Amino acid sequence: MVVVVANDLPPAVRGRMKLWFTEPRANIFVSGIKDSVADDVIKYLMKSCPVSSGVLIFQRINKAPGFKIWSIGDSDKKITSDFGYQLIIEKILEK
């Protein structure tokens, strides 16, 4: 399974994504594609999306924690890696 969340995708990329994915909301794509196809789609996105797209890609993998997070450009959410797990920072609390 692959989930793609973007701030803004170029029209050509968005149109191509609709070949493999369902778009339940604007710039949010969900698909149950096979792992080999998922790898190709992720390579395509990494190559075709400008930094301004702000893309987060969640890919299912067969080892803990069960997913891998990819990012392109500056998205609204930040990724951190703690204890070997990728996590999404929702908001930073001031001390």
PDB file of N, CA and C in Angstrom:
ATOM      1  N   MET A   1       0.843  -1.174   0.000  1.00  0.00           N
ATOM      2  CA  MET A   1       0.000   0.000   0.000  1.00  0.00           C
ATOM      3  C   MET A   1       0.886   1.234   0.000  1.00  0.00           C
ATOM      4  N   VAL A   2       0.437   2.246  -0.689  1.00  0.00           N
ATOM      5  CA  VAL A   2       1.136   3.523  -0.754  1.00  0.00           C
ATOM      6  C   VAL A   2       0.107   4.640  -0.566  1.00  0.00           C
ATOM      7  N   VAL A   3       0.470   5.624   0.263  1.00  0.00           N
ATOM      8  CA  VAL A   3      -0.347   6.820   0.452  1.00  0.00           C
ATOM      9  C   VAL A   3       0.533   8.020   0.150  1.00  0.00           C
ATOM     10  N   VAL A   4       0.038   8.924  -0.689  1.00  0.00           N
ATOM     11  CA  VAL A   4       0.777  10.127  -1.061  1.00  0.00           C
ATOM     12  C   VAL A   4      -0.046  11.332  -0.637  1.00  0.00           C
ATOM     13  N   VAL A   5       0.589  12.236   0.118  1.00  0.00           N
ATOM     14  CA  VAL A   5      -0.047  13.475   0.553  1.00  0.00           C
ATOM     15  C   VAL A   5       0.813  14.617   0.039  1.00  0.00           C
ATOM     16  N   ALA A   6       0.214  15.532  -0.723  1.00  0.00           N
ATOM     17  CA  ALA A   6       0.981  16.623  -1.310  1.00  0.00           C
ATOM     18  C   ALA A   6       0.333  17.966  -1.017  1.00  0.00           C
ATOM     19  N   ASN A   7       1.173  18.995  -0.933  1.00  0.00           N
ATOM     20  CA  ASN A   7       0.647  20.358  -0.844  1.00  0.00           C
ATOM     21  C   ASN A   7       0.127  20.781  -2.211  1.00  0.00           C
ATOM     22  N   ASP A   8       0.909  20.496  -3.259  1.00  0.00           N
ATOM     23  CA  ASP A   8       0.520  20.891  -4.613  1.00  0.00           C
ATOM     24  C   ASP A   8       1.318  20.068  -5.615  1.00  0.00           C
ATOM     25  N   LEU A   9       0.635  19.326  -6.471  1.00  0.00           N
ATOM     26  CA  LEU A   9       1.297  18.534  -7.508  1.00  0.00           C
ATOM     27  C   LEU A   9       1.127  19.211  -8.864  1.00  0.00           C
ATOM     28  N   PRO A  10       2.143  19.103  -9.720  1.00  0.00           N
ATOM     29  CA  PRO A  10       1.973  19.598 -11.083  1.00  0.00           C
ATOM     30  C   PRO A  10       0.828  18.826 -11.759  1.00  0.00           C
ATOM     31  N   PRO A  11       0.067  19.464 -12.650  1.00  0.00           N
ATOM     32  CA  PRO A  11      -1.071  18.802 -13.293  1.00  0.00           C
ATOM     33  C   PRO A  11      -0.702  17.494 -14.003  1.00  0.00           C
ATOM     34  N   ALA A  12       0.452  17.441 -14.667  1.00  0.00           N
ATOM     35  CA  ALA A  12       0.851  16.218 -15.374  1.00  0.00           C
ATOM     36  C   ALA A  12       1.092  15.071 -14.398  1.00  0.00           C
ATOM     37  N   VAL A  13       1.718  15.355 -13.265  1.00  0.00           N
ATOM     38  CA  VAL A  13       1.981  14.320 -12.250  1.00  0.00           C
ATOM     39  C   VAL A  13       0.667  13.877 -11.623  1.00  0.00           C
ATOM     40  N   ARG A  14      -0.195  14.830 -11.314  1.00  0.00           N
ATOM     41  CA  ARG A  14      -1.482  14.494 -10.699  1.00  0.00           C
ATOM     42  C   ARG A  14      -2.319  13.616 -11.619  1.00  0.00           C
ATOM     43  N   GLY A  15      -2.324  13.925 -12.901  1.00  0.00           N
ATOM     44  CA  GLY A  15      -3.055  13.109 -13.870  1.00  0.00           C
ATOM     45  C   GLY A  15      -2.503  11.703 -13.969  1.00  0.00           C
ATOM     46  N   ARG A  16      -1.184  11.581 -13.953  1.00  0.00           N
ATOM     47  CA  ARG A  16      -0.553  10.260 -14.025  1.00  0.00           C
ATOM     48  C   ARG A  16      -0.823   9.449 -12.756  1.00  0.00           C
ATOM     49  N   MET A  17      -0.864  10.117 -11.614  1.00  0.00           N
ATOM     50  CA  MET A  17      -1.138   9.421 -10.351  1.00  0.00           C
ATOM     51  C   MET A  17      -2.520   8.782 -10.362  1.00  0.00           C
ATOM     52  N   LYS A  18      -3.457   9.386 -11.069  1.00  0.00           N
ATOM     53  CA  LYS A  18      -4.822   8.857 -11.110  1.00  0.00           C
ATOM     54  C   LYS A  18      -4.912   7.539 -11.872  1.00  0.00           C
ATOM     55  N   LEU A  19      -3.837   7.158 -12.567  1.00  0.00           N
ATOM     56  CA  LEU A  19      -3.808   5.848 -13.217  1.00  0.00           C
ATOM     57  C   LEU A  19      -3.728   4.721 -12.188  1.00  0.00           C
ATOM     58  N   TRP A  20      -2.982   4.937 -11.103  1.00  0.00           N
ATOM     59  CA  TRP A  20      -2.715   3.896 -10.110  1.00  0.00           C
ATOM     60  C   TRP A  20      -3.450   4.102  -8.801  1.00  0.00           C
ATOM     61  N   PHE A  21      -3.854   5.338  -8.516  1.00  0.00           N
ATOM     62  CA  PHE A  21      -4.344   5.694  -7.190  1.00  0.00           C
ATOM     63  C   PHE A  21      -5.782   6.193  -7.223  1.00  0.00           C
ATOM     64  N   THR A  22      -6.440   6.089  -6.070  1.00  0.00           N
ATOM     65  CA  THR A  22      -7.708   6.746  -5.819  1.00  0.00           C
ATOM     66  C   THR A  22      -7.384   8.062  -5.133  1.00  0.00           C
ATOM     67  N   GLU A  23      -8.095   9.116  -5.489  1.00  0.00           N
ATOM     68  CA  GLU A  23      -7.852  10.435  -4.891  1.00  0.00           C
ATOM     69  C   GLU A  23      -9.079  10.835  -4.059  1.00  0.00           C
ATOM     70  N   PRO A  24      -9.124  10.413  -2.774  1.00  0.00           N
ATOM     71  CA  PRO A  24     -10.301  10.711  -1.952  1.00  0.00           C
ATOM     72  C   PRO A  24     -10.485  12.197  -1.655  1.00  0.00           C
ATOM     73  N   ARG A  25      -9.393  12.934  -1.618  1.00  0.00           N
ATOM     74  CA  ARG A  25      -9.397  14.392  -1.444  1.00  0.00           C
ATOM     75  C   ARG A  25      -8.338  14.963  -2.359  1.00  0.00           C
ATOM     76  N   ALA A  26      -8.402  16.241  -2.614  1.00  0.00           N
ATOM     77  CA  ALA A  26      -7.426  16.868  -3.499  1.00  0.00           C
ATOM     78  C   ALA A  26      -5.995  16.645  -2.987  1.00  0.00           C
ATOM     79  N   ASN A  27      -5.143  16.128  -3.864  1.00  0.00           N
ATOM     80  CA  ASN A  27      -3.722  15.885  -3.582  1.00  0.00           C
ATOM     81  C   ASN A  27      -3.456  14.865  -2.474  1.00  0.00           C
ATOM     82  N   ILE A  28      -4.409  13.977  -2.228  1.00  0.00           N
ATOM     83  CA  ILE A  28      -4.198  12.825  -1.343  1.00  0.00           C
ATOM     84  C   ILE A  28      -4.533  11.591  -2.164  1.00  0.00           C
ATOM     85  N   PHE A  29      -3.553  10.696  -2.297  1.00  0.00           N
ATOM     86  CA  PHE A  29      -3.700   9.522  -3.153  1.00  0.00           C
ATOM     87  C   PHE A  29      -3.471   8.257  -2.340  1.00  0.00           C
ATOM     88  N   VAL A  30      -4.301   7.229  -2.573  1.00  0.00           N
ATOM     89  CA  VAL A  30      -4.209   5.963  -1.863  1.00  0.00           C
ATOM     90  C   VAL A  30      -4.276   4.828  -2.878  1.00  0.00           C
ATOM     91  N   SER A  31      -3.383   3.825  -2.727  1.00  0.00           N
ATOM     92  CA  SER A  31      -3.399   2.690  -3.641  1.00  0.00           C
ATOM     93  C   SER A  31      -2.846   1.445  -2.958  1.00  0.00           C
ATOM     94  N   GLY A  32      -3.313   0.302  -3.393  1.00  0.00           N
ATOM     95  CA  GLY A  32      -2.826  -0.985  -2.907  1.00  0.00           C
ATOM     96  C   GLY A  32      -1.924  -1.652  -3.941  1.00  0.00           C
ATOM     97  N   ILE A  33      -1.128  -0.873  -4.652  1.00  0.00           N
ATOM     98  CA  ILE A  33      -0.270  -1.407  -5.709  1.00  0.00           C
ATOM     99  C   ILE A  33       0.799  -2.333  -5.136  1.00  0.00           C
ATOM    100  N   LYS A  34       1.310  -3.222  -5.977  1.00  0.00           N
ATOM    101  CA  LYS A  34       2.365  -4.155  -5.571  1.00  0.00           C
ATOM    102  C   LYS A  34       3.645  -3.390  -5.251  1.00  0.00           C
ATOM    103  N   ASP A  35       4.516  -4.038  -4.469  1.00  0.00           N
ATOM    104  CA  ASP A  35       5.756  -3.396  -4.027  1.00  0.00           C
ATOM    105  C   ASP A  35       6.633  -2.955  -5.190  1.00  0.00           C
ATOM    106  N   SER A  36       6.731  -3.769  -6.233  1.00  0.00           N
ATOM    107  CA  SER A  36       7.594  -3.409  -7.363  1.00  0.00           C
ATOM    108  C   SER A  36       7.041  -2.186  -8.102  1.00  0.00           C
ATOM    109  N   VAL A  37       5.728  -2.096  -8.236  1.00  0.00           N
ATOM    110  CA  VAL A  37       5.110  -0.934  -8.874  1.00  0.00           C
ATOM    111  C   VAL A  37       5.257   0.281  -7.954  1.00  0.00           C
ATOM    112  N   ALA A  38       5.112   0.072  -6.654  1.00  0.00           N
ATOM    113  CA  ALA A  38       5.263   1.169  -5.692  1.00  0.00           C
ATOM    114  C   ALA A  38       6.653   1.783  -5.800  1.00  0.00           C
ATOM    115  N   ASP A  39       7.673   0.949  -5.927  1.00  0.00           N
ATOM    116  CA  ASP A  39       9.040   1.462  -6.071  1.00  0.00           C
ATOM    117  C   ASP A  39       9.165   2.332  -7.320  1.00  0.00           C
ATOM    118  N   ASP A  40       8.561   1.898  -8.419  1.00  0.00           N
ATOM    119  CA  ASP A  40       8.601   2.671  -9.662  1.00  0.00           C
ATOM    120  C   ASP A  40       7.850   3.995  -9.519  1.00  0.00           C
ATOM    121  N   VAL A  41       6.703   3.961  -8.862  1.00  0.00           N
ATOM    122  CA  VAL A  41       5.920   5.179  -8.660  1.00  0.00           C
ATOM    123  C   VAL A  41       6.691   6.174  -7.793  1.00  0.00           C
ATOM    124  N   ILE A  42       7.335   5.680  -6.738  1.00  0.00           N
ATOM    125  CA  ILE A  42       8.101   6.556  -5.854  1.00  0.00           C
ATOM    126  C   ILE A  42       9.279   7.174  -6.611  1.00  0.00           C
ATOM    127  N   LYS A  43       9.964   6.384  -7.435  1.00  0.00           N
ATOM    128  CA  LYS A  43      11.050   6.926  -8.263  1.00  0.00           C
ATOM    129  C   LYS A  43      10.516   8.010  -9.199  1.00  0.00           C
ATOM    130  N   TYR A  44       9.357   7.773  -9.810  1.00  0.00           N
ATOM    131  CA  TYR A  44       8.738   8.744 -10.705  1.00  0.00           C
ATOM    132  C   TYR A  44       8.432  10.047  -9.957  1.00  0.00           C
ATOM    133  N   LEU A  45       7.845   9.938  -8.763  1.00  0.00           N
ATOM    134  CA  LEU A  45       7.524  11.126  -7.979  1.00  0.00           C
ATOM    135  C   LEU A  45       8.774  11.887  -7.573  1.00  0.00           C
ATOM    136  N   MET A  46       9.809  11.172  -7.138  1.00  0.00           N
ATOM    137  CA  MET A  46      11.053  11.815  -6.711  1.00  0.00           C
ATOM    138  C   MET A  46      11.698  12.574  -7.878  1.00  0.00           C
ATOM    139  N   LYS A  47      11.546  12.044  -9.075  1.00  0.00           N
ATOM    140  CA  LYS A  47      12.141  12.658 -10.262  1.00  0.00           C
ATOM    141  C   LYS A  47      11.279  13.800 -10.808  1.00  0.00           C
ATOM    142  N   SER A  48       9.962  13.680 -10.712  1.00  0.00           N
ATOM    143  CA  SER A  48       9.051  14.585 -11.414  1.00  0.00           C
ATOM    144  C   SER A  48       8.470  15.717 -10.577  1.00  0.00           C
ATOM    145  N   CYS A  49       8.535  15.610  -9.256  1.00  0.00           N
ATOM    146  CA  CYS A  49       7.915  16.630  -8.412  1.00  0.00           C
ATOM    147  C   CYS A  49       8.933  17.693  -8.009  1.00  0.00           C
ATOM    148  N   PRO A  50       8.604  18.959  -8.237  1.00  0.00           N
ATOM    149  CA  PRO A  50       9.511  20.012  -7.772  1.00  0.00           C
ATOM    150  C   PRO A  50       9.464  20.128  -6.249  1.00  0.00           C
ATOM    151  N   VAL A  51      10.445  20.795  -5.709  1.00  0.00           N
ATOM    152  CA  VAL A  51      10.537  20.968  -4.256  1.00  0.00           C
ATOM    153  C   VAL A  51       9.290  21.657  -3.713  1.00  0.00           C
ATOM    154  N   SER A  52       8.687  22.520  -4.511  1.00  0.00           N
ATOM    155  CA  SER A  52       7.506  23.256  -4.049  1.00  0.00           C
ATOM    156  C   SER A  52       6.269  22.375  -3.880  1.00  0.00           C
ATOM    157  N   SER A  53       6.336  21.114  -4.331  1.00  0.00           N
ATOM    158  CA  SER A  53       5.185  20.203  -4.213  1.00  0.00           C
ATOM    159  C   SER A  53       4.884  19.821  -2.775  1.00  0.00           C
ATOM    160  N   GLY A  54       5.903  19.731  -1.926  1.00  0.00           N
ATOM    161  CA  GLY A  54       5.690  19.355  -0.531  1.00  0.00           C
ATOM    162  C   GLY A  54       5.003  18.013  -0.393  1.00  0.00           C
ATOM    163  N   VAL A  55       5.665  16.944  -0.831  1.00  0.00           N
ATOM    164  CA  VAL A  55       5.057  15.620  -0.891  1.00  0.00           C
ATOM    165  C   VAL A  55       5.543  14.734   0.255  1.00  0.00           C
ATOM    166  N   LEU A  56       4.614  14.013   0.884  1.00  0.00           N
ATOM    167  CA  LEU A  56       4.928  12.942   1.834  1.00  0.00           C
ATOM    168  C   LEU A  56       4.407  11.646   1.236  1.00  0.00           C
ATOM    169  N   ILE A  57       5.253  10.612   1.222  1.00  0.00           N
ATOM    170  CA  ILE A  57       4.874   9.308   0.680  1.00  0.00           C
ATOM    171  C   ILE A  57       5.029   8.286   1.790  1.00  0.00           C
ATOM    172  N   PHE A  58       3.975   7.527   2.036  1.00  0.00           N
ATOM    173  CA  PHE A  58       3.999   6.458   3.026  1.00  0.00           C
ATOM    174  C   PHE A  58       3.936   5.137   2.266  1.00  0.00           C
ATOM    175  N   GLN A  59       4.972   4.309   2.426  1.00  0.00           N
ATOM    176  CA  GLN A  59       5.056   3.034   1.713  1.00  0.00           C
ATOM    177  C   GLN A  59       5.073   1.882   2.714  1.00  0.00           C
ATOM    178  N   ARG A  60       4.248   0.871   2.460  1.00  0.00           N
ATOM    179  CA  ARG A  60       4.239  -0.327   3.307  1.00  0.00           C
ATOM    180  C   ARG A  60       5.509  -1.117   3.027  1.00  0.00           C
ATOM    181  N   ILE A  61       6.174  -1.572   4.095  1.00  0.00           N
ATOM    182  CA  ILE A  61       7.342  -2.439   3.963  1.00  0.00           C
ATOM    183  C   ILE A  61       7.157  -3.653   4.877  1.00  0.00           C
ATOM    184  N   ASN A  62       7.951  -4.692   4.630  1.00  0.00           N
ATOM    185  CA  ASN A  62       7.776  -5.956   5.355  1.00  0.00           C
ATOM    186  C   ASN A  62       8.651  -6.095   6.592  1.00  0.00           C
ATOM    187  N   LYS A  63       9.123  -5.000   7.157  1.00  0.00           N
ATOM    188  CA  LYS A  63       9.867  -5.059   8.420  1.00  0.00           C
ATOM    189  C   LYS A  63       9.382  -3.941   9.327  1.00  0.00           C
ATOM    190  N   ALA A  64       9.701  -4.037  10.596  1.00  0.00           N
ATOM    191  CA  ALA A  64       9.219  -3.049  11.567  1.00  0.00           C
ATOM    192  C   ALA A  64       9.705  -1.666  11.178  1.00  0.00           C
ATOM    193  N   PRO A  65       8.888  -0.678  11.296  1.00  0.00           N
ATOM    194  CA  PRO A  65       7.553  -0.604  11.868  1.00  0.00           C
ATOM    195  C   PRO A  65       6.432  -0.901  10.881  1.00  0.00           C
ATOM    196  N   GLY A  66       6.761  -1.342   9.668  1.00  0.00           N
ATOM    197  CA  GLY A  66       5.742  -1.689   8.684  1.00  0.00           C
ATOM    198  C   GLY A  66       5.537  -0.631   7.609  1.00  0.00           C
ATOM    199  N   PHE A  67       6.253   0.494   7.722  1.00  0.00           N
ATOM    200  CA  PHE A  67       6.119   1.545   6.718  1.00  0.00           C
ATOM    201  C   PHE A  67       7.416   2.339   6.617  1.00  0.00           C
ATOM    202  N   LYS A  68       7.571   3.028   5.499  1.00  0.00           N
ATOM    203  CA  LYS A  68       8.689   3.943   5.289  1.00  0.00           C
ATOM    204  C   LYS A  68       8.098   5.246   4.793  1.00  0.00           C
ATOM    205  N   ILE A  69       8.650   6.361   5.259  1.00  0.00           N
ATOM    206  CA  ILE A  69       8.167   7.680   4.865  1.00  0.00           C
ATOM    207  C   ILE A  69       9.208   8.341   3.972  1.00  0.00           C
ATOM    208  N   TRP A  70       8.771   8.833   2.824  1.00  0.00           N
ATOM    209  CA  TRP A  70       9.604   9.586   1.898  1.00  0.00           C
ATOM    210  C   TRP A  70       9.080  11.018   1.870  1.00  0.00           C
ATOM    211  N   SER A  71       9.944  11.979   1.597  1.00  0.00           N
ATOM    212  CA  SER A  71       9.467  13.356   1.469  1.00  0.00           C
ATOM    213  C   SER A  71      10.171  14.059   0.318  1.00  0.00           C
ATOM    214  N   ILE A  72       9.450  14.990  -0.276  1.00  0.00           N
ATOM    215  CA  ILE A  72       9.980  15.818  -1.351  1.00  0.00           C
ATOM    216  C   ILE A  72       9.651  17.255  -0.994  1.00  0.00           C
ATOM    217  N   GLY A  73      10.665  18.082  -0.851  1.00  0.00           N
ATOM    218  CA  GLY A  73      10.453  19.499  -0.569  1.00  0.00           C
ATOM    219  C   GLY A  73       9.966  19.748   0.834  1.00  0.00           C
ATOM    220  N   ASP A  74       9.444  20.936   1.021  1.00  0.00           N
ATOM    221  CA  ASP A  74       8.945  21.364   2.327  1.00  0.00           C
ATOM    222  C   ASP A  74       7.455  21.116   2.420  1.00  0.00           C
ATOM    223  N   SER A  75       7.086  20.101   3.185  1.00  0.00           N
ATOM    224  CA  SER A  75       5.666  19.841   3.403  1.00  0.00           C
ATOM    225  C   SER A  75       5.238  20.551   4.685  1.00  0.00           C
ATOM    226  N   ASP A  76       3.957  20.527   4.958  1.00  0.00           N
ATOM    227  CA  ASP A  76       3.443  21.138   6.182  1.00  0.00           C
ATOM    228  C   ASP A  76       3.871  20.344   7.411  1.00  0.00           C
ATOM    229  N   LYS A  77       4.235  19.080   7.207  1.00  0.00           N
ATOM    230  CA  LYS A  77       4.638  18.207   8.311  1.00  0.00           C
ATOM    231  C   LYS A  77       6.133  17.911   8.210  1.00  0.00           C
ATOM    232  N   LYS A  78       6.775  17.764   9.337  1.00  0.00           N
ATOM    233  CA  LYS A  78       8.202  17.451   9.378  1.00  0.00           C
ATOM    234  C   LYS A  78       8.398  16.005   9.824  1.00  0.00           C
ATOM    235  N   ILE A  79       9.434  15.360   9.287  1.00  0.00           N
ATOM    236  CA  ILE A  79       9.755  13.975   9.625  1.00  0.00           C
ATOM    237  C   ILE A  79      10.974  13.980  10.537  1.00  0.00           C
ATOM    238  N   THR A  80      10.926  13.149  11.571  1.00  0.00           N
ATOM    239  CA  THR A  80      12.081  12.957  12.432  1.00  0.00           C
ATOM    240  C   THR A  80      12.318  11.465  12.576  1.00  0.00           C
ATOM    241  N   SER A  81      13.516  11.098  12.950  1.00  0.00           N
ATOM    242  CA  SER A  81      13.853   9.694  13.143  1.00  0.00           C
ATOM    243  C   SER A  81      14.317   9.502  14.582  1.00  0.00           C
ATOM    244  N   ASP A  82      13.545   8.791  15.369  1.00  0.00           N
ATOM    245  CA  ASP A  82      13.893   8.506  16.760  1.00  0.00           C
ATOM    246  C   ASP A  82      13.892   7.007  16.979  1.00  0.00           C
ATOM    247  N   PHE A  83      14.968   6.510  17.547  1.00  0.00           N
ATOM    248  CA  PHE A  83      15.086   5.086  17.879  1.00  0.00           C
ATOM    249  C   PHE A  83      14.880   4.197  16.658  1.00  0.00           C
ATOM    250  N   GLY A  84      15.239   4.685  15.464  1.00  0.00           N
ATOM    251  CA  GLY A  84      15.104   3.907  14.249  1.00  0.00           C
ATOM    252  C   GLY A  84      13.727   3.958  13.606  1.00  0.00           C
ATOM    253  N   TYR A  85      12.806   4.723  14.175  1.00  0.00           N
ATOM    254  CA  TYR A  85      11.456   4.864  13.632  1.00  0.00           C
ATOM    255  C   TYR A  85      11.282   6.256  13.055  1.00  0.00           C
ATOM    256  N   GLN A  86      10.661   6.326  11.889  1.00  0.00           N
ATOM    257  CA  GLN A  86      10.336   7.616  11.313  1.00  0.00           C
ATOM    258  C   GLN A  86       9.020   8.088  11.906  1.00  0.00           C
ATOM    259  N   LEU A  87       8.986   9.345  12.340  1.00  0.00           N
ATOM    260  CA  LEU A  87       7.792   9.905  12.952  1.00  0.00           C
ATOM    261  C   LEU A  87       7.462  11.243  12.311  1.00  0.00           C
ATOM    262  N   ILE A  88       6.204  11.627  12.318  1.00  0.00           N
ATOM    263  CA  ILE A  88       5.745  12.907  11.805  1.00  0.00           C
ATOM    264  C   ILE A  88       5.547  13.850  13.001  1.00  0.00           C
ATOM    265  N   ILE A  89       6.133  15.037  12.921  1.00  0.00           N
ATOM    266  CA  ILE A  89       5.972  16.035  13.975  1.00  0.00           C
ATOM    267  C   ILE A  89       4.720  16.843  13.671  1.00  0.00           C
ATOM    268  N   GLU A  90       3.738  16.788  14.541  1.00  0.00           N
ATOM    269  CA  GLU A  90       2.514  17.546  14.359  1.00  0.00           C
ATOM    270  C   GLU A  90       2.706  18.998  14.801  1.00  0.00           C
ATOM    271  N   LYS A  91       3.217  19.181  16.016  1.00  0.00           N
ATOM    272  CA  LYS A  91       3.553  20.532  16.476  1.00  0.00           C
ATOM    273  C   LYS A  91       4.589  20.423  17.572  1.00  0.00           C
ATOM    274  N   ILE A  92       5.421  21.419  17.639  1.00  0.00           N
ATOM    275  CA  ILE A  92       6.484  21.453  18.637  1.00  0.00           C
ATOM    276  C   ILE A  92       5.997  22.296  19.817  1.00  0.00           C
ATOM    277  N   LEU A  93       6.073  21.703  20.998  1.00  0.00           N
ATOM    278  CA  LEU A  93       5.635  22.410  22.203  1.00  0.00           C
ATOM    279  C   LEU A  93       6.760  23.276  22.727  1.00  0.00           C
ATOM    280  N   GLU A  94       6.441  24.472  23.068  1.00  0.00           N
ATOM    281  CA  GLU A  94       7.399  25.411  23.667  1.00  0.00           C
ATOM    282  C   GLU A  94       7.565  25.071  25.136  1.00  0.00           C
ATOM    283  N   LYS A  95       8.800  25.148  25.628  1.00  0.00           N
ATOM    284  CA  LYS A  95       9.056  24.857  27.047  1.00  0.00           C
ATOM    285  C   LYS A  95       9.142  26.118  27.843  1.00  0.00           C
TER     286      LYS A  95
END
